[in-house]
Amino acid sequence: MPPLDHTAAPDVPAVPSTLRQIRHLPGPFALPVLGNSFQLKLHRIHRDVEGWVRHYGPFMRAWFGRTLVLVVADSEAVSAILRDRPDGFRRPLSSYIVSEEMGGIPGLFLAEGSEWRNQRRMVMAGMAPGAIKAYFPSLVTVAQRLQRRWQESARQGAAIGLDGDLKRYTVDIIAGLAFGTEVNTLEAGEDVIQRHMDAILPAVARRSLSMLPYWRYFKLPADKRLDRDVAALDVAVSSLVRQARTRLEQEPARRLRPPNLLEAMIAAADEKNSGVDDRAVAGNVLTMLLAGEDTTANTISWMIYLLQRNPHTLARAREEVRTLAPDVAGFTIEQMDRLAYLGACASEAMRLKPVAPFLPLEALRDTVVGDVAVPAGSVVWCVLRHDTLSDAHFPDAQAFKPERWLEAGQEEVNNKRAAMPFGSGLRTCPGRYLALLEIKIAMAMLLGSFDIAGVDTPDGGEAQELMGFVMSPVGLSLRLAPPR
């Protein structure tokens, strides 16, 4: 093996004198060729791997088919890996290949190296807090639509399917912010772009984790339908880019203060030496939609579920909202900023139920993770929900205690670093500010306008975790009553 590069990643801890090899680490028994494939179920792969970690330790090996994988669950090591992006680690090449096979167009999510840096500048121009604040009245408008929808359900005594309604909420916000065009799925029904996304997202997850890429050799009817969905989505987004370009040409002043993310990205792409073209713009519009719909909607679902199961916490969050931000129509950025306890509830929900509980990466060079030698090309499976559920990092870790996020001691600060719901380092999610604002607005609307009569699961038991494109609760329904 070539000499290990210990100088290129300054966040990697000092190299131990004796390095372990991945294949010599503890791990489950693996079959020839098939590896540990039969021990994993895609819909619960996060829990299967977390179970391995509890048995074999935070540095272990597994075989995904013929691929040897280093599983890392130690939060300090995971953080160092994430901070060593994009130069030291990238998303696995297999994910990029799957995207290309599906006719995908490039975006920040899969871009690497200089291409990623060029696109990052463009996306951040549209995702900066100032740009989001300018769009704030539109966020409130969407929240009012959700409020009216839920008021009608409450009057009828009807259960609300959280998955569908919260996805409509996030799609209406993201599409309006991204495109500058009115999208109203909450009141007008399903949008064509949303329909195609709902078909594409599960396929992305399924193919990225599949041990046998059968679709490269023959296509089932579902694969042919997927091809049609991808092609239709590509046409729809390309059309939106052309329309935005036309607006910028007809009204040059829009370039100075772009009113939406799409026009901001086009203006940034048109700057000299940007290294970005319209195809990259379209790719990042798709990335916004794909990454923003499920992640935020499912975080809100988990948050509602956890609050309802902890009445004292629900009461405190409700009191804060009704004191500081009682009227949806009058919501302001300043009010949202003052909802500190509601923000702590969001952080606690993401600690217990992160929608991205793991992240597979590929080493771009020979390096060291902990005391393990990692050759270039190795796949590293970062477990993001291990230390966050450990009493060593979070006392009484299984409990839902938002108060822990309001404590300011140095020990608490160090412990909180174990939670990385938006990643870490240069590739921290650029939509973090928007996502947290969407969560606060939706939850403030809910707690200020209604009392939660119940949150039900299909079998009446604990909410089950389903791993697809993100980790979602299975079949949660919400029952509401007028506020007391």
Protein backbone atom coordinates (compact mmCIF):
# COMPACT_ATOMS: atom_id res chain seq x y z
CA MET A 1 0.00 0.00 0.00
CA PRO A 2 1.37 3.52 -0.80
CA PRO A 3 2.48 5.70 2.11
CA LEU A 4 -0.45 7.09 4.08
CA ASP A 5 -1.16 10.80 3.61
CA HIS A 6 -1.45 12.19 7.13
CA THR A 7 -0.84 15.84 6.30
CA ALA A 8 -3.62 16.62 3.84
CA ALA A 9 -6.45 16.49 6.39
CA PRO A 10 -5.59 18.67 9.41
CA ASP A 11 -8.73 17.61 11.32
CA VAL A 12 -7.65 13.97 11.48
CA PRO A 13 -6.25 13.13 14.95
CA ALA A 14 -2.61 12.19 15.44
CA VAL A 15 -1.79 8.87 13.79
CA PRO A 16 -1.42 5.92 16.19
CA SER A 17 1.86 4.04 16.01
CA THR A 18 0.08 0.81 15.07
CA LEU A 19 -2.72 0.93 12.51
CA ARG A 20 -5.43 -1.65 12.18
CA GLN A 21 -6.56 -2.91 8.78
CA ILE A 22 -10.24 -2.76 7.80
CA ARG A 23 -10.51 -6.46 6.98
CA HIS A 24 -9.08 -7.41 10.40
CA LEU A 25 -11.67 -5.41 12.36
CA PRO A 26 -14.50 -7.20 14.16
CA GLY A 27 -17.72 -7.63 12.23
CA PRO A 28 -20.50 -10.05 11.35
CA PHE A 29 -19.85 -13.32 9.55
CA ALA A 30 -19.94 -12.80 5.78
CA LEU A 31 -20.65 -15.24 2.97
CA PRO A 32 -18.42 -15.45 -0.11
CA VAL A 33 -19.51 -13.02 -2.85
CA LEU A 34 -22.77 -12.14 -1.05
CA GLY A 35 -21.08 -10.75 2.03
CA ASN A 36 -23.57 -9.57 4.64
CA SER A 37 -26.32 -8.83 2.11
CA PHE A 38 -28.84 -11.27 3.58
CA GLN A 39 -28.39 -9.75 7.04
CA LEU A 40 -29.57 -6.34 5.86
CA LYS A 41 -33.05 -5.13 4.93
CA LEU A 42 -33.11 -1.93 2.89
CA HIS A 43 -36.14 -0.52 4.68
CA ARG A 44 -34.33 -0.81 8.04
CA ILE A 45 -30.68 -0.84 7.02
CA HIS A 46 -29.90 2.02 9.43
CA ARG A 47 -31.12 -0.02 12.40
CA ASP A 48 -29.38 -3.18 11.22
CA VAL A 49 -26.02 -1.40 11.03
CA GLU A 50 -26.63 0.37 14.35
CA GLY A 51 -27.25 -3.05 15.89
CA TRP A 52 -23.93 -4.29 14.53
CA VAL A 53 -22.16 -1.28 16.05
CA ARG A 54 -23.63 -1.97 19.48
CA HIS A 55 -22.28 -5.53 19.23
CA TYR A 56 -18.91 -5.04 17.48
CA GLY A 57 -17.94 -1.50 18.50
CA PRO A 58 -17.67 1.93 16.81
CA PHE A 59 -15.01 0.78 14.28
CA MET A 60 -16.02 -2.41 12.49
CA ARG A 61 -16.05 -4.00 9.05
CA ALA A 62 -18.87 -5.32 6.89
CA TRP A 63 -19.16 -6.70 3.38
CA PHE A 64 -21.81 -5.14 1.15
CA GLY A 65 -21.71 -7.80 -1.52
CA ARG A 66 -18.07 -7.87 -2.61
CA THR A 67 -17.35 -4.39 -1.24
CA LEU A 68 -15.45 -4.21 2.03
CA VAL A 69 -16.88 -1.36 4.13
CA LEU A 70 -15.47 0.42 7.17
CA VAL A 71 -18.33 1.27 9.53
CA VAL A 72 -17.54 4.24 11.81
CA ALA A 73 -19.86 5.27 14.65
CA ASP A 74 -17.48 7.31 16.84
CA SER A 75 -18.74 10.91 16.53
CA GLU A 76 -15.27 12.51 16.71
CA ALA A 77 -14.03 10.29 13.89
CA VAL A 78 -17.21 10.88 11.87
CA SER A 79 -16.85 14.63 12.32
CA ALA A 80 -13.23 14.49 11.15
CA ILE A 81 -14.31 12.54 8.06
CA LEU A 82 -17.05 15.05 7.23
CA ARG A 83 -14.66 17.97 7.69
CA ASP A 84 -12.25 16.30 5.28
CA ARG A 85 -14.70 16.81 2.43
CA PRO A 86 -14.55 17.49 -0.45
CA ASP A 87 -10.79 16.82 -0.74
CA GLY A 88 -10.45 13.65 1.34
CA PHE A 89 -13.85 11.99 0.93
CA ARG A 90 -16.70 12.05 -1.56
CA ARG A 91 -20.03 10.35 -1.92
CA PRO A 92 -19.45 6.84 -3.30
CA LEU A 93 -18.93 6.71 -7.03
CA SER A 94 -21.80 4.24 -7.18
CA SER A 95 -24.24 7.00 -6.12
CA TYR A 96 -23.03 9.23 -8.94
CA ILE A 97 -23.33 6.34 -11.42
CA VAL A 98 -26.91 5.66 -10.28
CA SER A 99 -27.77 9.32 -10.80
CA GLU A 100 -26.24 9.31 -14.27
CA GLU A 101 -28.06 6.11 -15.19
CA MET A 102 -31.33 7.72 -14.20
CA GLY A 103 -30.62 10.63 -16.51
CA GLY A 104 -29.72 12.88 -13.61
CA ILE A 105 -28.29 16.33 -14.12
CA PRO A 106 -25.45 17.55 -11.88
CA GLY A 107 -26.12 19.31 -8.62
CA LEU A 108 -24.37 20.27 -5.40
CA PHE A 109 -25.44 17.02 -3.70
CA LEU A 110 -23.24 14.84 -5.96
CA ALA A 111 -20.75 17.36 -7.35
CA GLU A 112 -17.12 17.04 -6.23
CA GLY A 113 -13.88 19.03 -6.33
CA SER A 114 -13.75 22.29 -8.30
CA GLU A 115 -17.19 21.60 -9.76
CA TRP A 116 -18.59 21.48 -6.22
CA ARG A 117 -16.82 24.71 -5.23
CA ASN A 118 -18.22 26.56 -8.25
CA GLN A 119 -21.74 25.33 -7.58
CA ARG A 120 -21.48 25.99 -3.84
CA ARG A 121 -20.84 29.69 -4.47
CA MET A 122 -23.85 29.84 -6.77
CA VAL A 123 -26.21 28.04 -4.38
CA MET A 124 -25.11 30.03 -1.33
CA ALA A 125 -25.96 33.24 -3.20
CA GLY A 126 -29.58 32.14 -3.18
CA MET A 127 -29.63 30.40 0.21
CA ALA A 128 -28.04 33.15 2.32
CA PRO A 129 -30.12 34.21 5.36
CA GLY A 130 -30.72 37.62 3.78
CA ALA A 131 -32.29 36.03 0.71
CA ILE A 132 -34.44 33.74 2.84
CA LYS A 133 -35.59 36.64 5.03
CA ALA A 134 -36.71 38.54 1.93
CA TYR A 135 -38.86 35.53 1.06
CA PHE A 136 -40.32 35.26 4.59
CA PRO A 137 -43.81 36.65 3.75
CA SER A 138 -44.24 33.84 1.23
CA LEU A 139 -43.35 31.27 3.91
CA VAL A 140 -46.09 32.69 6.10
CA THR A 141 -48.57 32.54 3.20
CA VAL A 142 -47.89 28.81 2.79
CA ALA A 143 -48.29 28.27 6.55
CA GLN A 144 -51.68 29.99 6.40
CA ARG A 145 -52.76 27.59 3.65
CA LEU A 146 -51.77 24.67 5.87
CA GLN A 147 -53.65 26.28 8.75
CA ARG A 148 -56.86 26.55 6.67
CA ARG A 149 -56.51 22.96 5.50
CA TRP A 150 -56.10 21.71 9.07
CA GLN A 151 -58.93 23.90 10.38
CA GLU A 152 -61.26 22.17 7.93
CA SER A 153 -60.02 18.74 9.04
CA ALA A 154 -60.53 19.72 12.70
CA ARG A 155 -64.09 20.90 11.99
CA GLN A 156 -64.89 17.60 10.32
CA GLY A 157 -63.16 15.56 13.00
CA ALA A 158 -61.00 14.00 10.29
CA ALA A 159 -57.56 12.51 10.85
CA ILE A 160 -54.73 14.26 8.99
CA GLY A 161 -52.13 12.21 7.15
CA LEU A 162 -48.95 14.00 8.19
CA ASP A 163 -46.77 12.65 5.40
CA GLY A 164 -48.88 14.01 2.56
CA ASP A 165 -49.77 17.38 4.08
CA LEU A 166 -46.27 18.22 5.29
CA LYS A 167 -44.74 17.30 1.93
CA ARG A 168 -47.20 19.65 0.27
CA TYR A 169 -46.17 22.34 2.74
CA THR A 170 -42.46 21.93 2.01
CA VAL A 171 -42.97 21.61 -1.77
CA ASP A 172 -45.00 24.83 -1.86
CA ILE A 173 -42.26 26.65 0.03
CA ILE A 174 -39.28 25.26 -1.85
CA ALA A 175 -40.86 25.52 -5.28
CA GLY A 176 -41.90 29.11 -4.66
CA LEU A 177 -38.48 30.05 -3.30
CA ALA A 178 -36.63 28.18 -6.02
CA PHE A 179 -38.73 29.10 -9.04
CA GLY A 180 -40.40 32.38 -8.17
CA THR A 181 -43.68 30.90 -9.41
CA GLU A 182 -46.82 30.16 -7.43
CA VAL A 183 -47.13 26.51 -6.47
CA ASN A 184 -50.15 25.67 -4.30
CA THR A 185 -50.41 21.93 -3.75
CA LEU A 186 -52.05 22.45 -0.34
CA GLU A 187 -55.20 23.91 -1.91
CA ALA A 188 -55.01 23.04 -5.60
CA GLY A 189 -53.86 19.44 -5.33
CA GLU A 190 -50.79 17.59 -6.53
CA ASP A 191 -48.23 19.44 -8.65
CA VAL A 192 -46.70 17.71 -11.67
CA ILE A 193 -43.17 18.18 -10.34
CA GLN A 194 -44.14 16.75 -6.96
CA ARG A 195 -45.72 13.72 -8.61
CA HIS A 196 -42.52 12.89 -10.47
CA MET A 197 -40.37 13.47 -7.38
CA ASP A 198 -42.51 11.12 -5.31
CA ALA A 199 -41.73 8.40 -7.85
CA ILE A 200 -38.02 9.20 -8.18
CA LEU A 201 -36.96 9.51 -4.52
CA PRO A 202 -37.67 5.91 -3.47
CA ALA A 203 -35.89 4.66 -6.61
CA VAL A 204 -32.77 6.72 -5.84
CA ALA A 205 -32.57 5.20 -2.36
CA ARG A 206 -33.30 1.67 -3.54
CA ARG A 207 -30.75 1.70 -6.37
CA SER A 208 -28.02 3.40 -4.33
CA LEU A 209 -28.16 0.63 -1.73
CA SER A 210 -28.85 -2.28 -4.06
CA MET A 211 -26.28 -5.08 -4.09
CA LEU A 212 -27.39 -6.23 -7.56
CA PRO A 213 -27.84 -3.51 -10.25
CA TYR A 214 -30.22 -5.57 -12.36
CA TRP A 215 -31.57 -2.47 -14.19
CA ARG A 216 -28.30 -2.24 -16.13
CA TYR A 217 -29.18 -5.50 -17.88
CA PHE A 218 -32.98 -5.51 -18.07
CA LYS A 219 -35.77 -3.18 -16.97
CA LEU A 220 -38.95 -4.04 -15.15
CA PRO A 221 -42.16 -2.05 -15.78
CA ALA A 222 -41.35 0.03 -12.68
CA ASP A 223 -37.95 0.94 -14.15
CA LYS A 224 -39.57 2.05 -17.41
CA ARG A 225 -42.03 4.22 -15.50
CA LEU A 226 -39.08 5.69 -13.61
CA ASP A 227 -37.37 6.60 -16.90
CA ARG A 228 -40.51 8.46 -17.96
CA ASP A 229 -40.70 10.31 -14.63
CA VAL A 230 -37.05 11.38 -14.83
CA ALA A 231 -37.43 12.59 -18.42
CA ALA A 232 -40.59 14.55 -17.60
CA LEU A 233 -38.98 16.16 -14.56
CA ASP A 234 -35.93 17.15 -16.61
CA VAL A 235 -38.19 18.82 -19.20
CA ALA A 236 -40.18 20.66 -16.52
CA VAL A 237 -37.12 22.03 -14.73
CA SER A 238 -35.35 23.01 -17.98
CA SER A 239 -38.46 24.94 -18.95
CA LEU A 240 -38.41 26.81 -15.64
CA VAL A 241 -34.76 27.76 -16.21
CA ARG A 242 -35.58 29.12 -19.66
CA GLN A 243 -38.49 31.14 -18.27
CA ALA A 244 -36.26 32.62 -15.58
CA ARG A 245 -33.64 33.58 -18.18
CA THR A 246 -36.33 35.34 -20.20
CA ARG A 247 -37.40 37.36 -17.13
CA LEU A 248 -33.80 38.39 -16.47
CA GLU A 249 -33.31 39.47 -20.07
CA GLN A 250 -36.52 41.49 -20.08
CA GLU A 251 -35.88 43.05 -16.65
CA PRO A 252 -32.09 43.44 -16.16
CA ALA A 253 -32.65 45.05 -12.74
CA ARG A 254 -33.67 41.64 -11.40
CA ARG A 255 -30.02 40.58 -11.57
CA LEU A 256 -29.10 43.08 -8.87
CA ARG A 257 -31.74 41.80 -6.41
CA PRO A 258 -32.93 38.39 -7.64
CA PRO A 259 -36.37 37.65 -6.12
CA ASN A 260 -35.89 33.87 -6.07
CA LEU A 261 -33.20 31.21 -5.86
CA LEU A 262 -33.38 30.25 -9.52
CA GLU A 263 -32.70 33.77 -10.77
CA ALA A 264 -30.00 34.26 -8.12
CA MET A 265 -28.24 31.10 -9.32
CA ILE A 266 -28.50 32.13 -12.99
CA ALA A 267 -27.06 35.56 -12.18
CA ALA A 268 -24.20 33.93 -10.26
CA ALA A 269 -23.64 31.41 -13.07
CA ASP A 270 -23.37 34.25 -15.61
CA GLU A 271 -20.52 35.91 -13.73
CA LYS A 272 -17.12 35.68 -15.37
CA ASN A 273 -15.24 32.45 -14.67
CA SER A 274 -18.13 31.02 -12.63
CA GLY A 275 -17.52 27.57 -14.09
CA VAL A 276 -21.29 26.93 -14.00
CA ASP A 277 -23.79 26.58 -16.82
CA ASP A 278 -27.58 26.26 -17.10
CA ARG A 279 -27.38 22.50 -16.72
CA ALA A 280 -25.75 22.93 -13.30
CA VAL A 281 -28.41 25.51 -12.41
CA ALA A 282 -31.16 23.01 -13.31
CA GLY A 283 -29.38 20.30 -11.33
CA ASN A 284 -29.33 22.42 -8.22
CA VAL A 285 -32.98 23.34 -8.57
CA LEU A 286 -33.71 19.61 -8.60
CA THR A 287 -31.38 19.10 -5.64
CA MET A 288 -33.29 21.74 -3.68
CA LEU A 289 -36.56 19.95 -4.36
CA LEU A 290 -35.29 16.42 -3.79
CA ALA A 291 -33.34 17.26 -0.63
CA GLY A 292 -35.82 19.72 0.82
CA GLU A 293 -39.16 17.95 0.45
CA ASP A 294 -38.71 14.75 2.46
CA THR A 295 -36.10 15.91 4.97
CA THR A 296 -37.99 18.87 6.44
CA ALA A 297 -41.43 17.25 6.21
CA ASN A 298 -40.27 14.15 8.09
CA THR A 299 -38.44 16.18 10.75
CA ILE A 300 -41.69 18.04 11.47
CA SER A 301 -43.59 14.73 11.63
CA TRP A 302 -41.12 13.27 14.13
CA MET A 303 -41.23 16.48 16.16
CA ILE A 304 -45.04 16.43 16.41
CA TYR A 305 -44.94 12.75 17.42
CA LEU A 306 -42.32 13.29 20.13
CA LEU A 307 -44.03 16.38 21.55
CA GLN A 308 -47.37 14.62 21.81
CA ARG A 309 -45.70 11.76 23.71
CA ASN A 310 -44.19 14.24 26.21
CA PRO A 311 -47.09 16.40 27.48
CA HIS A 312 -45.01 18.65 29.75
CA THR A 313 -42.71 19.48 26.87
CA LEU A 314 -45.66 20.07 24.56
CA ALA A 315 -47.22 22.42 27.12
CA ARG A 316 -44.03 24.47 27.43
CA ALA A 317 -43.60 24.76 23.65
CA ARG A 318 -47.26 25.73 23.24
CA GLU A 319 -46.99 28.40 25.96
CA GLU A 320 -43.90 29.89 24.32
CA VAL A 321 -45.63 30.11 20.93
CA ARG A 322 -48.85 31.58 22.30
CA THR A 323 -46.89 34.19 24.24
CA LEU A 324 -44.35 35.22 21.62
CA ALA A 325 -45.96 34.41 18.23
CA PRO A 326 -49.72 33.92 18.72
CA ASP A 327 -50.97 35.00 15.27
CA VAL A 328 -49.86 33.26 12.07
CA ALA A 329 -50.79 36.25 9.92
CA GLY A 330 -48.52 38.43 12.04
CA PHE A 331 -45.47 36.13 12.09
CA THR A 332 -42.14 37.94 11.78
CA ILE A 333 -38.54 36.77 11.50
CA GLU A 334 -37.88 38.32 14.91
CA GLN A 335 -40.65 36.27 16.48
CA MET A 336 -39.25 33.07 15.00
CA ASP A 337 -35.79 33.93 16.32
CA ARG A 338 -37.21 34.33 19.84
CA LEU A 339 -38.80 30.86 19.87
CA ALA A 340 -35.76 29.36 21.59
CA TYR A 341 -37.55 26.43 23.23
CA LEU A 342 -39.26 25.47 19.96
CA GLY A 343 -35.83 25.50 18.32
CA ALA A 344 -34.54 23.25 21.10
CA CYS A 345 -37.44 20.86 20.43
CA ALA A 346 -36.35 20.68 16.79
CA SER A 347 -32.74 19.95 17.78
CA GLU A 348 -33.86 17.23 20.18
CA ALA A 349 -36.12 15.64 17.56
CA MET A 350 -33.22 15.59 15.08
CA ARG A 351 -30.96 14.01 17.73
CA LEU A 352 -33.37 11.14 18.37
CA LYS A 353 -34.84 10.80 14.88
CA PRO A 354 -32.37 12.14 12.31
CA VAL A 355 -33.82 11.84 8.83
CA ALA A 356 -30.29 10.97 7.63
CA PRO A 357 -29.03 8.48 10.25
CA PHE A 358 -26.03 7.41 8.14
CA LEU A 359 -23.85 8.69 5.32
CA PRO A 360 -21.72 6.45 3.06
CA LEU A 361 -18.56 8.07 1.69
CA GLU A 362 -15.55 7.03 -0.37
CA ALA A 363 -11.94 7.85 0.50
CA LEU A 364 -10.19 9.84 -2.24
CA ARG A 365 -6.70 9.15 -0.89
CA ASP A 366 -4.95 6.88 1.57
CA THR A 367 -5.74 8.18 5.04
CA VAL A 368 -6.39 7.17 8.65
CA VAL A 369 -9.69 7.10 10.53
CA GLY A 370 -9.20 6.67 14.27
CA ASP A 371 -6.56 3.94 14.39
CA VAL A 372 -7.62 2.31 11.11
CA ALA A 373 -5.72 2.55 7.83
CA VAL A 374 -8.11 3.52 5.04
CA PRO A 375 -6.79 3.00 1.49
CA ALA A 376 -8.01 5.26 -1.31
CA GLY A 377 -11.26 3.99 -2.79
CA SER A 378 -12.48 2.45 0.48
CA VAL A 379 -16.14 2.91 1.36
CA VAL A 380 -16.71 4.36 4.83
CA TRP A 381 -20.20 4.08 6.32
CA CYS A 382 -20.64 6.93 8.82
CA VAL A 383 -23.23 6.13 11.49
CA LEU A 384 -24.67 9.45 12.63
CA ARG A 385 -27.00 8.09 15.30
CA HIS A 386 -24.85 6.27 17.82
CA ASP A 387 -23.16 8.71 20.16
CA THR A 388 -26.32 10.86 20.02
CA LEU A 389 -28.15 8.01 21.80
CA SER A 390 -25.33 7.40 24.28
CA ASP A 391 -25.63 8.44 27.92
CA ALA A 392 -21.93 9.29 27.80
CA HIS A 393 -22.71 12.17 25.45
CA PHE A 394 -26.31 12.96 26.37
CA PRO A 395 -27.39 12.06 29.93
CA ASP A 396 -30.66 10.09 29.85
CA ALA A 397 -30.11 9.90 26.12
CA GLN A 398 -33.28 7.98 25.25
CA ALA A 399 -35.48 10.70 26.73
CA PHE A 400 -36.90 13.65 24.78
CA LYS A 401 -35.46 16.61 26.72
CA PRO A 402 -35.26 19.82 24.67
CA GLU A 403 -33.94 21.66 27.74
CA ARG A 404 -30.53 20.09 27.15
CA TRP A 405 -30.09 22.34 24.10
CA LEU A 406 -30.60 25.49 26.16
CA GLU A 407 -27.78 24.68 28.59
CA ALA A 408 -24.59 26.57 27.86
CA GLY A 409 -21.87 24.76 29.84
CA GLN A 410 -18.74 23.67 27.98
CA GLU A 411 -19.54 20.00 28.59
CA GLU A 412 -22.95 20.44 26.97
CA VAL A 413 -21.37 22.25 24.01
CA ASN A 414 -18.89 19.41 23.50
CA ASN A 415 -21.64 16.80 23.74
CA LYS A 416 -23.81 18.61 21.21
CA ARG A 417 -21.06 18.29 18.63
CA ALA A 418 -21.90 14.59 18.47
CA ALA A 419 -25.16 15.53 16.74
CA MET A 420 -24.66 16.45 13.08
CA PRO A 421 -28.11 16.51 11.43
CA PHE A 422 -26.89 18.92 8.75
CA GLY A 423 -23.41 17.44 8.37
CA SER A 424 -20.17 19.15 9.32
CA GLY A 425 -17.40 21.13 7.68
CA LEU A 426 -17.49 22.77 4.27
CA ARG A 427 -20.25 20.47 3.06
CA THR A 428 -22.69 21.36 5.82
CA CYS A 429 -26.16 21.50 4.26
CA PRO A 430 -26.61 24.94 2.63
CA GLY A 431 -30.37 24.73 3.28
CA ARG A 432 -29.97 24.56 7.07
CA TYR A 433 -31.33 28.05 7.77
CA LEU A 434 -34.35 27.56 5.50
CA ALA A 435 -35.13 24.12 6.97
CA LEU A 436 -35.07 25.38 10.56
CA LEU A 437 -37.25 28.34 9.61
CA GLU A 438 -39.77 26.07 7.86
CA ILE A 439 -39.90 23.86 10.95
CA LYS A 440 -40.46 26.77 13.34
CA ILE A 441 -43.16 28.35 11.18
CA ALA A 442 -45.12 25.11 10.76
CA MET A 443 -44.85 24.20 14.44
CA ALA A 444 -45.72 27.73 15.64
CA MET A 445 -48.80 27.65 13.39
CA LEU A 446 -49.82 24.26 14.77
CA LEU A 447 -49.26 25.04 18.46
CA GLY A 448 -50.78 28.51 18.24
CA SER A 449 -53.88 27.52 16.28
CA PHE A 450 -54.80 24.07 17.63
CA ASP A 451 -54.59 21.64 20.48
CA ILE A 452 -53.19 18.23 19.55
CA ALA A 453 -55.87 15.65 20.34
CA GLY A 454 -53.73 12.71 19.24
CA VAL A 455 -50.98 11.41 17.00
CA ASP A 456 -51.77 7.87 15.88
CA THR A 457 -49.74 5.07 14.31
CA PRO A 458 -51.21 2.35 12.08
CA ASP A 459 -50.98 -0.33 14.79
CA GLY A 460 -51.41 1.87 17.85
CA GLY A 461 -47.84 1.20 19.01
CA GLU A 462 -44.54 3.03 18.70
CA ALA A 463 -43.92 4.88 15.45
CA GLN A 464 -41.91 2.65 13.13
CA GLU A 465 -38.88 3.95 11.25
CA LEU A 466 -38.81 3.41 7.49
CA MET A 467 -35.56 3.98 5.62
CA GLY A 468 -36.11 5.24 2.08
CA PHE A 469 -34.55 8.36 0.63
CA VAL A 470 -34.64 9.56 4.26
CA MET A 471 -35.80 7.99 7.53
CA SER A 472 -39.52 8.59 7.94
CA PRO A 473 -42.19 7.58 10.45
CA VAL A 474 -44.68 5.05 9.09
CA GLY A 475 -48.25 6.25 8.67
CA LEU A 476 -48.57 8.96 11.33
CA SER A 477 -51.98 10.63 11.50
CA LEU A 478 -52.77 13.80 13.45
CA ARG A 479 -56.04 14.67 15.24
CA LEU A 480 -56.64 18.31 16.12
CA ALA A 481 -59.03 20.27 18.32
CA PRO A 482 -59.70 24.02 18.64
CA PRO A 483 -57.31 25.70 21.12
CA ARG A 484 -58.49 25.92 24.73
